[in-house]
Amino acid sequence: METLVPAFVAVLIAQLFDPPARLAAVLGDRFPGRAGVFAGVALAQVAGFALAAGGGAVLAAGISPSARTLVLALALLAAGGGGFLRLKLKDRLETWRIGGFATALLGVFILAFGDRSQFLALGFATWGGSPGLALAGAGVASVAAGGVAVLLGERAWCGWPQRPARIAAAALFLIAGLILALRALRLV
């Protein structure tokens, strides 16, 4: 459980401001069958997090506990640093004509591949020694954020004042990452 809840919280916070959720909102507006879009988003996110958790399991097997903590610290620091950037959705996939499910599945998988949420999942899978729980926490968080984005649509998803919340979340990630890094390096 020490991996499940932190992975869920961290990924949920990161997903609120990341492009995959915004793309899910855009696709939820465009395609009338929101269930197909939601299924595509969910499958894409879980597949990406499964790769991240698998990578974390492989990485954890060959490094010390302090190095595992440092991997998580770097993931949190990267998430914090990325939170200060305003990430725009560069492609709304308007030219894709393959249906709501396939567009959501491929578009979200490609867009989310290697983003800060997946790096967080890799960090938690490496740190906690339980890649399955890291996958479960990150997967549920991303599916929840994506599902809400699909249901709300782009106007409602992007209509709230995100900048102050994004900066506060970034600061929390940076503080947590700095504390873990100092502990991993045995400086505190």
C-alpha atoms as a PDB file:
ATOM      1  CA  MET A   1       0.000   0.000   0.000  1.00  0.00           C
ATOM      2  CA  GLU A   2       2.930   2.340   0.504  1.00  0.00           C
ATOM      3  CA  THR A   3       3.293   2.472  -3.288  1.00  0.00           C
ATOM      4  CA  LEU A   4      -0.353   2.476  -4.373  1.00  0.00           C
ATOM      5  CA  VAL A   5      -1.594   5.651  -2.694  1.00  0.00           C
ATOM      6  CA  PRO A   6       1.431   7.899  -3.395  1.00  0.00           C
ATOM      7  CA  ALA A   7       1.465   6.779  -7.029  1.00  0.00           C
ATOM      8  CA  PHE A   8      -2.266   7.492  -7.300  1.00  0.00           C
ATOM      9  CA  VAL A   9      -2.006  10.964  -5.750  1.00  0.00           C
ATOM     10  CA  ALA A  10       1.092  12.046  -7.662  1.00  0.00           C
ATOM     11  CA  VAL A  11      -0.176  10.860 -11.045  1.00  0.00           C
ATOM     12  CA  LEU A  12      -3.633  12.323 -10.468  1.00  0.00           C
ATOM     13  CA  ILE A  13      -2.141  15.723  -9.678  1.00  0.00           C
ATOM     14  CA  ALA A  14       0.162  15.562 -12.697  1.00  0.00           C
ATOM     15  CA  GLN A  15      -2.636  14.404 -15.020  1.00  0.00           C
ATOM     16  CA  LEU A  16      -4.803  17.405 -14.183  1.00  0.00           C
ATOM     17  CA  PHE A  17      -2.403  19.647 -16.082  1.00  0.00           C
ATOM     18  CA  ASP A  18      -0.918  17.336 -18.721  1.00  0.00           C
ATOM     19  CA  PRO A  19      -1.760  17.230 -22.439  1.00  0.00           C
ATOM     20  CA  PRO A  20      -3.201  13.657 -22.467  1.00  0.00           C
ATOM     21  CA  ALA A  21      -6.158  14.729 -20.322  1.00  0.00           C
ATOM     22  CA  ARG A  22      -6.691  17.793 -22.477  1.00  0.00           C
ATOM     23  CA  LEU A  23      -6.636  15.625 -25.595  1.00  0.00           C
ATOM     24  CA  ALA A  24      -9.186  13.323 -23.938  1.00  0.00           C
ATOM     25  CA  ALA A  25     -11.434  16.356 -23.373  1.00  0.00           C
ATOM     26  CA  VAL A  26     -11.033  17.460 -27.000  1.00  0.00           C
ATOM     27  CA  LEU A  27     -11.867  13.979 -28.289  1.00  0.00           C
ATOM     28  CA  GLY A  28     -14.811  13.704 -25.893  1.00  0.00           C
ATOM     29  CA  ASP A  29     -16.293  16.790 -27.560  1.00  0.00           C
ATOM     30  CA  ARG A  30     -15.546  15.665 -31.103  1.00  0.00           C
ATOM     31  CA  PHE A  31     -16.865  12.110 -31.057  1.00  0.00           C
ATOM     32  CA  PRO A  32     -20.490  11.426 -30.107  1.00  0.00           C
ATOM     33  CA  GLY A  33     -19.671   8.032 -28.599  1.00  0.00           C
ATOM     34  CA  ARG A  34     -17.866   9.157 -25.467  1.00  0.00           C
ATOM     35  CA  ALA A  35     -17.739   5.574 -24.213  1.00  0.00           C
ATOM     36  CA  GLY A  36     -15.462   4.612 -27.099  1.00  0.00           C
ATOM     37  CA  VAL A  37     -13.232   7.613 -26.466  1.00  0.00           C
ATOM     38  CA  PHE A  38     -13.081   6.795 -22.757  1.00  0.00           C
ATOM     39  CA  ALA A  39     -12.197   3.154 -23.489  1.00  0.00           C
ATOM     40  CA  GLY A  40      -9.413   4.251 -25.850  1.00  0.00           C
ATOM     41  CA  VAL A  41      -8.022   6.732 -23.327  1.00  0.00           C
ATOM     42  CA  ALA A  42      -8.144   4.154 -20.514  1.00  0.00           C
ATOM     43  CA  LEU A  43      -6.447   1.432 -22.540  1.00  0.00           C
ATOM     44  CA  ALA A  44      -3.754   3.812 -23.806  1.00  0.00           C
ATOM     45  CA  GLN A  45      -2.979   5.093 -20.323  1.00  0.00           C
ATOM     46  CA  VAL A  46      -2.880   1.664 -18.692  1.00  0.00           C
ATOM     47  CA  ALA A  47      -0.630   0.315 -21.471  1.00  0.00           C
ATOM     48  CA  GLY A  48       1.786   3.221 -21.044  1.00  0.00           C
ATOM     49  CA  PHE A  49       1.871   2.850 -17.272  1.00  0.00           C
ATOM     50  CA  ALA A  50       2.389  -0.909 -17.611  1.00  0.00           C
ATOM     51  CA  LEU A  51       5.520  -0.199 -19.645  1.00  0.00           C
ATOM     52  CA  ALA A  52       6.690   2.321 -17.049  1.00  0.00           C
ATOM     53  CA  ALA A  53       6.055  -0.047 -14.142  1.00  0.00           C
ATOM     54  CA  GLY A  54       7.825  -2.849 -15.992  1.00  0.00           C
ATOM     55  CA  GLY A  55      10.799  -0.571 -16.566  1.00  0.00           C
ATOM     56  CA  GLY A  56      10.790   0.326 -12.888  1.00  0.00           C
ATOM     57  CA  ALA A  57      10.814  -3.361 -11.940  1.00  0.00           C
ATOM     58  CA  VAL A  58      13.790  -4.044 -14.190  1.00  0.00           C
ATOM     59  CA  LEU A  59      15.619  -0.982 -12.890  1.00  0.00           C
ATOM     60  CA  ALA A  60      14.922  -1.787  -9.221  1.00  0.00           C
ATOM     61  CA  ALA A  61      16.425  -5.241  -9.548  1.00  0.00           C
ATOM     62  CA  GLY A  62      19.889  -3.865 -10.241  1.00  0.00           C
ATOM     63  CA  ILE A  63      20.262  -0.871  -7.930  1.00  0.00           C
ATOM     64  CA  SER A  64      20.565  -0.160  -4.220  1.00  0.00           C
ATOM     65  CA  PRO A  65      17.729   1.136  -2.026  1.00  0.00           C
ATOM     66  CA  SER A  66      19.310   4.606  -1.947  1.00  0.00           C
ATOM     67  CA  ALA A  67      19.490   4.638  -5.741  1.00  0.00           C
ATOM     68  CA  ARG A  68      15.814   3.597  -5.906  1.00  0.00           C
ATOM     69  CA  THR A  69      14.902   6.539  -3.713  1.00  0.00           C
ATOM     70  CA  LEU A  70      17.005   8.797  -5.914  1.00  0.00           C
ATOM     71  CA  VAL A  71      15.121   7.590  -9.027  1.00  0.00           C
ATOM     72  CA  LEU A  72      11.833   8.567  -7.380  1.00  0.00           C
ATOM     73  CA  ALA A  73      13.323  11.899  -6.293  1.00  0.00           C
ATOM     74  CA  LEU A  74      14.393  12.613  -9.878  1.00  0.00           C
ATOM     75  CA  ALA A  75      10.903  11.726 -11.126  1.00  0.00           C
ATOM     76  CA  LEU A  76       9.336  14.129  -8.613  1.00  0.00           C
ATOM     77  CA  LEU A  77      11.836  16.874  -9.484  1.00  0.00           C
ATOM     78  CA  ALA A  78      11.147  16.396 -13.194  1.00  0.00           C
ATOM     79  CA  ALA A  79       7.388  16.512 -12.542  1.00  0.00           C
ATOM     80  CA  GLY A  80       7.875  19.704 -10.549  1.00  0.00           C
ATOM     81  CA  GLY A  81      10.028  21.325 -13.183  1.00  0.00           C
ATOM     82  CA  GLY A  82       7.580  20.358 -15.900  1.00  0.00           C
ATOM     83  CA  GLY A  83       4.754  21.855 -13.898  1.00  0.00           C
ATOM     84  CA  PHE A  84       6.181  25.329 -14.351  1.00  0.00           C
ATOM     85  CA  LEU A  85       5.910  24.974 -18.116  1.00  0.00           C
ATOM     86  CA  ARG A  86       2.636  25.595 -19.836  1.00  0.00           C
ATOM     87  CA  LEU A  87       2.179  22.585 -22.041  1.00  0.00           C
ATOM     88  CA  LYS A  88       0.026  23.252 -25.061  1.00  0.00           C
ATOM     89  CA  LEU A  89      -1.748  20.651 -27.112  1.00  0.00           C
ATOM     90  CA  LYS A  90       0.114  20.884 -30.425  1.00  0.00           C
ATOM     91  CA  ASP A  91      -2.102  18.545 -32.440  1.00  0.00           C
ATOM     92  CA  ARG A  92      -5.820  18.091 -31.881  1.00  0.00           C
ATOM     93  CA  LEU A  93      -5.833  15.071 -34.231  1.00  0.00           C
ATOM     94  CA  GLU A  94      -8.461  16.715 -36.424  1.00  0.00           C
ATOM     95  CA  THR A  95      -7.230  14.954 -39.553  1.00  0.00           C
ATOM     96  CA  TRP A  96      -7.445  11.471 -38.017  1.00  0.00           C
ATOM     97  CA  ARG A  97     -10.436   9.614 -39.444  1.00  0.00           C
ATOM     98  CA  ILE A  98     -10.252   6.293 -37.622  1.00  0.00           C
ATOM     99  CA  GLY A  99     -13.069   6.674 -35.100  1.00  0.00           C
ATOM    100  CA  GLY A 100     -13.245   7.757 -31.483  1.00  0.00           C
ATOM    101  CA  PHE A 101     -11.798   4.617 -29.884  1.00  0.00           C
ATOM    102  CA  ALA A 102      -8.807   4.255 -32.214  1.00  0.00           C
ATOM    103  CA  THR A 103      -8.062   7.984 -32.239  1.00  0.00           C
ATOM    104  CA  ALA A 104      -8.116   8.113 -28.451  1.00  0.00           C
ATOM    105  CA  LEU A 105      -6.097   4.911 -28.072  1.00  0.00           C
ATOM    106  CA  LEU A 106      -3.322   5.850 -30.482  1.00  0.00           C
ATOM    107  CA  GLY A 107      -3.365   9.599 -29.884  1.00  0.00           C
ATOM    108  CA  VAL A 108      -3.215   9.425 -26.097  1.00  0.00           C
ATOM    109  CA  PHE A 109      -0.661   6.590 -26.109  1.00  0.00           C
ATOM    110  CA  ILE A 110       1.669   8.528 -28.405  1.00  0.00           C
ATOM    111  CA  LEU A 111       1.153  11.826 -26.580  1.00  0.00           C
ATOM    112  CA  ALA A 112       1.601  10.335 -23.114  1.00  0.00           C
ATOM    113  CA  PHE A 113       4.565   8.097 -23.960  1.00  0.00           C
ATOM    114  CA  GLY A 114       7.413   9.204 -21.715  1.00  0.00           C
ATOM    115  CA  ASP A 115       5.572  12.112 -20.089  1.00  0.00           C
ATOM    116  CA  ARG A 116       6.060  13.108 -16.482  1.00  0.00           C
ATOM    117  CA  SER A 117       3.203  10.912 -15.235  1.00  0.00           C
ATOM    118  CA  GLN A 118       4.848   7.831 -16.687  1.00  0.00           C
ATOM    119  CA  PHE A 119       8.169   8.893 -15.207  1.00  0.00           C
ATOM    120  CA  LEU A 120       6.417   9.171 -11.839  1.00  0.00           C
ATOM    121  CA  ALA A 121       5.014   5.654 -12.276  1.00  0.00           C
ATOM    122  CA  LEU A 122       8.497   4.371 -13.108  1.00  0.00           C
ATOM    123  CA  GLY A 123       9.858   6.128 -10.027  1.00  0.00           C
ATOM    124  CA  PHE A 124       7.226   4.644  -7.718  1.00  0.00           C
ATOM    125  CA  ALA A 125       7.650   1.163  -9.254  1.00  0.00           C
ATOM    126  CA  THR A 126      11.408   1.407  -8.689  1.00  0.00           C
ATOM    127  CA  TRP A 127      11.171   2.855  -5.182  1.00  0.00           C
ATOM    128  CA  GLY A 128       8.376   0.836  -3.638  1.00  0.00           C
ATOM    129  CA  GLY A 129       9.440  -2.587  -4.809  1.00  0.00           C
ATOM    130  CA  SER A 130       5.899  -3.267  -5.979  1.00  0.00           C
ATOM    131  CA  PRO A 131       5.479  -2.426  -9.666  1.00  0.00           C
ATOM    132  CA  GLY A 132       1.954  -3.875  -9.657  1.00  0.00           C
ATOM    133  CA  LEU A 133       0.802  -1.426  -7.001  1.00  0.00           C
ATOM    134  CA  ALA A 134       2.530   1.458  -8.787  1.00  0.00           C
ATOM    135  CA  LEU A 135       0.752   0.445 -11.991  1.00  0.00           C
ATOM    136  CA  ALA A 136      -2.586   0.167 -10.198  1.00  0.00           C
ATOM    137  CA  GLY A 137      -2.271   3.568  -8.516  1.00  0.00           C
ATOM    138  CA  ALA A 138      -1.046   5.377 -11.618  1.00  0.00           C
ATOM    139  CA  GLY A 139      -3.498   3.585 -13.889  1.00  0.00           C
ATOM    140  CA  VAL A 140      -6.553   4.346 -11.770  1.00  0.00           C
ATOM    141  CA  ALA A 141      -5.504   7.983 -11.410  1.00  0.00           C
ATOM    142  CA  SER A 142      -4.964   8.482 -15.134  1.00  0.00           C
ATOM    143  CA  VAL A 143      -8.181   6.684 -16.071  1.00  0.00           C
ATOM    144  CA  ALA A 144     -10.099   8.811 -13.561  1.00  0.00           C
ATOM    145  CA  ALA A 145      -8.608  12.060 -14.870  1.00  0.00           C
ATOM    146  CA  GLY A 146      -9.113  11.008 -18.485  1.00  0.00           C
ATOM    147  CA  GLY A 147     -12.670   9.879 -17.820  1.00  0.00           C
ATOM    148  CA  VAL A 148     -13.613  13.164 -16.194  1.00  0.00           C
ATOM    149  CA  ALA A 149     -11.969  15.054 -19.058  1.00  0.00           C
ATOM    150  CA  VAL A 150     -13.927  13.060 -21.647  1.00  0.00           C
ATOM    151  CA  LEU A 151     -17.198  13.682 -19.798  1.00  0.00           C
ATOM    152  CA  LEU A 152     -16.617  17.385 -19.214  1.00  0.00           C
ATOM    153  CA  GLY A 153     -15.296  18.276 -22.640  1.00  0.00           C
ATOM    154  CA  GLU A 154     -12.656  20.834 -23.501  1.00  0.00           C
ATOM    155  CA  ARG A 155     -14.431  24.008 -22.399  1.00  0.00           C
ATOM    156  CA  ALA A 156     -15.192  22.776 -18.873  1.00  0.00           C
ATOM    157  CA  TRP A 157     -11.875  20.889 -18.500  1.00  0.00           C
ATOM    158  CA  CYS A 158      -9.817  23.941 -19.443  1.00  0.00           C
ATOM    159  CA  GLY A 159     -12.198  26.547 -18.028  1.00  0.00           C
ATOM    160  CA  TRP A 160     -10.969  26.589 -14.447  1.00  0.00           C
ATOM    161  CA  PRO A 161      -7.964  28.679 -13.334  1.00  0.00           C
ATOM    162  CA  GLN A 162      -5.249  26.099 -13.873  1.00  0.00           C
ATOM    163  CA  ARG A 163      -2.162  28.294 -13.611  1.00  0.00           C
ATOM    164  CA  PRO A 164      -2.144  28.844  -9.816  1.00  0.00           C
ATOM    165  CA  ALA A 165      -3.001  25.192  -9.148  1.00  0.00           C
ATOM    166  CA  ARG A 166      -0.361  23.991 -11.631  1.00  0.00           C
ATOM    167  CA  ILE A 167       2.310  26.141  -9.976  1.00  0.00           C
ATOM    168  CA  ALA A 168       1.315  24.979  -6.479  1.00  0.00           C
ATOM    169  CA  ALA A 169       1.436  21.334  -7.592  1.00  0.00           C
ATOM    170  CA  ALA A 170       4.818  21.906  -9.233  1.00  0.00           C
ATOM    171  CA  ALA A 171       6.153  23.416  -6.016  1.00  0.00           C
ATOM    172  CA  LEU A 172       4.915  20.409  -4.009  1.00  0.00           C
ATOM    173  CA  PHE A 173       6.593  18.010  -6.442  1.00  0.00           C
ATOM    174  CA  LEU A 174       9.844  19.972  -6.202  1.00  0.00           C
ATOM    175  CA  ILE A 175       9.793  20.035  -2.393  1.00  0.00           C
ATOM    176  CA  ALA A 176       9.040  16.305  -2.146  1.00  0.00           C
ATOM    177  CA  GLY A 177      11.708  15.513  -4.741  1.00  0.00           C
ATOM    178  CA  LEU A 178      14.296  17.640  -2.978  1.00  0.00           C
ATOM    179  CA  ILE A 179      13.592  16.013   0.399  1.00  0.00           C
ATOM    180  CA  LEU A 180      13.835  12.516  -1.091  1.00  0.00           C
ATOM    181  CA  ALA A 181      17.027  13.399  -2.972  1.00  0.00           C
ATOM    182  CA  LEU A 182      18.648  14.692   0.199  1.00  0.00           C
ATOM    183  CA  ARG A 183      17.635  11.507   2.026  1.00  0.00           C
ATOM    184  CA  ALA A 184      18.898   9.284  -0.798  1.00  0.00           C
ATOM    185  CA  LEU A 185      22.223  11.076  -0.782  1.00  0.00           C
ATOM    186  CA  ARG A 186      22.242  10.883   3.032  1.00  0.00           C
ATOM    187  CA  LEU A 187      22.550  14.615   3.451  1.00  0.00           C
ATOM    188  CA  VAL A 188      19.730  14.792   6.010  1.00  0.00           C
END
